[in-house]
Amino acid sequence: MRLLAGTPYDRPATCERCGQPEDNCQCPPALLPEGAPPPDKKTVKLVVEKRKKGKVVTVIRGLSARSSDLAALLSKLKNQCGAGGTLAGESLEIQGNHVERLRTLLGEAGYTVRG
């Protein structure tokens, strides 16, 4: 007998959008969270900054001030880059130099990227 047999955790994970098991899901990956407004042709600026002890951080500036939207977007970008990061005021900081990857991810989300 399996450890979680007969419990809700025994069932395979399903997609929240289509209801299919995640192995059979054909939904495109969503970069923006559900219910988030479109980027409204915002121009964002990507900058690589060097911090204490030689640490490199990619900073995204020029996003809207909606804190809940920024937190969800930061979470998605951190997962896509495989790095840590933080929300600092109205800018997002992601550890490491991820300018090219972030440029393509934000471009796919509808933002105009500069820098």
Protein backbone atom coordinates (compact mmCIF):
# COMPACT_ATOMS: atom_id res chain seq x y z
CA MET A 1 0.00 0.00 0.00
CA ARG A 2 1.28 3.46 -0.90
CA LEU A 3 1.77 6.13 1.75
CA LEU A 4 -0.98 8.48 0.52
CA ALA A 5 -3.34 5.90 -1.02
CA GLY A 6 -6.97 6.90 -0.61
CA THR A 7 -6.25 10.52 0.33
CA PRO A 8 -6.75 13.66 -1.80
CA TYR A 9 -2.96 13.81 -2.26
CA ASP A 10 -3.03 10.48 -4.13
CA ARG A 11 -4.69 12.07 -7.17
CA PRO A 12 -2.55 13.42 -10.02
CA ALA A 13 -2.15 17.20 -10.27
CA THR A 14 -4.55 18.92 -12.69
CA CYS A 15 -4.33 22.15 -14.69
CA GLU A 16 -6.28 25.03 -13.13
CA ARG A 17 -7.39 26.37 -16.54
CA CYS A 18 -8.51 23.27 -18.47
CA GLY A 19 -8.96 20.67 -15.71
CA GLN A 20 -6.85 18.05 -17.53
CA PRO A 21 -4.03 16.18 -15.75
CA GLU A 22 -0.80 18.19 -16.00
CA ASP A 23 0.77 15.47 -18.18
CA ASN A 24 -1.99 15.92 -20.82
CA CYS A 25 -2.46 19.70 -20.52
CA GLN A 26 -2.13 21.63 -23.81
CA CYS A 27 -2.53 25.14 -22.31
CA PRO A 28 0.22 27.64 -23.19
CA PRO A 29 2.29 28.78 -20.19
CA ALA A 30 1.03 32.03 -18.72
CA LEU A 31 3.63 34.59 -17.70
CA LEU A 32 1.14 37.09 -16.32
CA PRO A 33 -1.08 36.00 -13.42
CA GLU A 34 -4.79 35.35 -13.94
CA GLY A 35 -6.90 38.52 -13.90
CA ALA A 36 -3.90 40.83 -14.31
CA PRO A 37 -4.47 43.75 -16.64
CA PRO A 38 -2.38 43.89 -19.83
CA PRO A 39 0.90 45.79 -19.65
CA ASP A 40 -0.70 48.77 -21.50
CA LYS A 41 2.31 49.15 -23.77
CA LYS A 42 4.57 49.96 -20.84
CA THR A 43 8.26 50.44 -21.48
CA VAL A 44 10.46 48.75 -18.93
CA LYS A 45 14.17 49.26 -18.47
CA LEU A 46 16.62 46.44 -17.73
CA VAL A 47 19.81 47.38 -15.91
CA VAL A 48 22.62 45.21 -14.54
CA GLU A 49 24.02 46.59 -11.28
CA LYS A 50 27.01 45.46 -9.28
CA ARG A 51 26.46 45.27 -5.53
CA LYS A 52 28.63 44.64 -2.49
CA LYS A 53 31.29 41.95 -2.76
CA GLY A 54 30.92 41.75 -6.55
CA LYS A 55 27.34 40.46 -6.61
CA VAL A 56 25.48 41.14 -9.87
CA VAL A 57 21.76 41.98 -9.90
CA THR A 58 19.42 42.55 -12.86
CA VAL A 59 16.99 45.38 -12.08
CA ILE A 60 13.67 45.88 -13.92
CA ARG A 61 12.33 49.45 -13.66
CA GLY A 62 9.26 51.16 -15.08
CA LEU A 63 6.56 48.66 -14.10
CA SER A 64 3.15 49.65 -12.75
CA ALA A 65 2.81 50.26 -9.02
CA ARG A 66 0.25 47.50 -8.39
CA SER A 67 2.04 45.60 -5.64
CA SER A 68 0.05 42.37 -5.98
CA ASP A 69 0.71 42.24 -9.72
CA LEU A 70 4.41 42.95 -9.24
CA ALA A 71 4.75 40.20 -6.65
CA ALA A 72 3.12 37.63 -8.95
CA LEU A 73 5.22 38.77 -11.93
CA LEU A 74 8.38 38.61 -9.81
CA SER A 75 7.56 35.06 -8.77
CA LYS A 76 7.07 33.97 -12.39
CA LEU A 77 10.30 35.65 -13.55
CA LYS A 78 12.33 34.15 -10.70
CA ASN A 79 11.04 30.70 -11.59
CA GLN A 80 11.85 31.18 -15.29
CA CYS A 81 15.38 32.42 -14.51
CA GLY A 82 16.08 29.93 -11.75
CA ALA A 83 17.32 32.67 -9.44
CA GLY A 84 16.33 34.58 -6.34
CA GLY A 85 15.03 38.09 -6.31
CA THR A 86 13.15 40.77 -4.44
CA LEU A 87 10.65 43.57 -4.87
CA ALA A 88 12.28 46.92 -4.09
CA GLY A 89 9.75 49.74 -4.30
CA GLU A 90 8.51 49.83 -7.89
CA SER A 91 11.43 47.83 -9.29
CA LEU A 92 12.13 44.12 -9.42
CA GLU A 93 15.60 42.76 -8.63
CA ILE A 94 16.70 39.33 -9.83
CA GLN A 95 20.01 37.88 -8.73
CA GLY A 96 22.53 37.39 -11.52
CA ASN A 97 22.87 38.69 -15.06
CA HIS A 98 19.66 37.59 -16.82
CA VAL A 99 19.17 40.49 -19.23
CA GLU A 100 18.69 38.43 -22.40
CA ARG A 101 16.32 35.91 -20.80
CA LEU A 102 14.26 38.67 -19.15
CA ARG A 103 14.15 40.64 -22.41
CA THR A 104 12.50 37.71 -24.20
CA LEU A 105 10.17 36.83 -21.29
CA LEU A 106 8.94 40.41 -20.84
CA GLY A 107 8.65 40.85 -24.62
CA GLU A 108 6.41 37.76 -24.79
CA ALA A 109 4.29 39.24 -21.98
CA GLY A 110 3.70 42.39 -24.06
CA TYR A 111 6.13 44.84 -22.52
CA THR A 112 8.46 47.03 -24.57
CA VAL A 113 11.96 46.43 -23.22
CA ARG A 114 14.71 49.02 -23.26
CA GLY A 115 18.27 48.75 -22.02
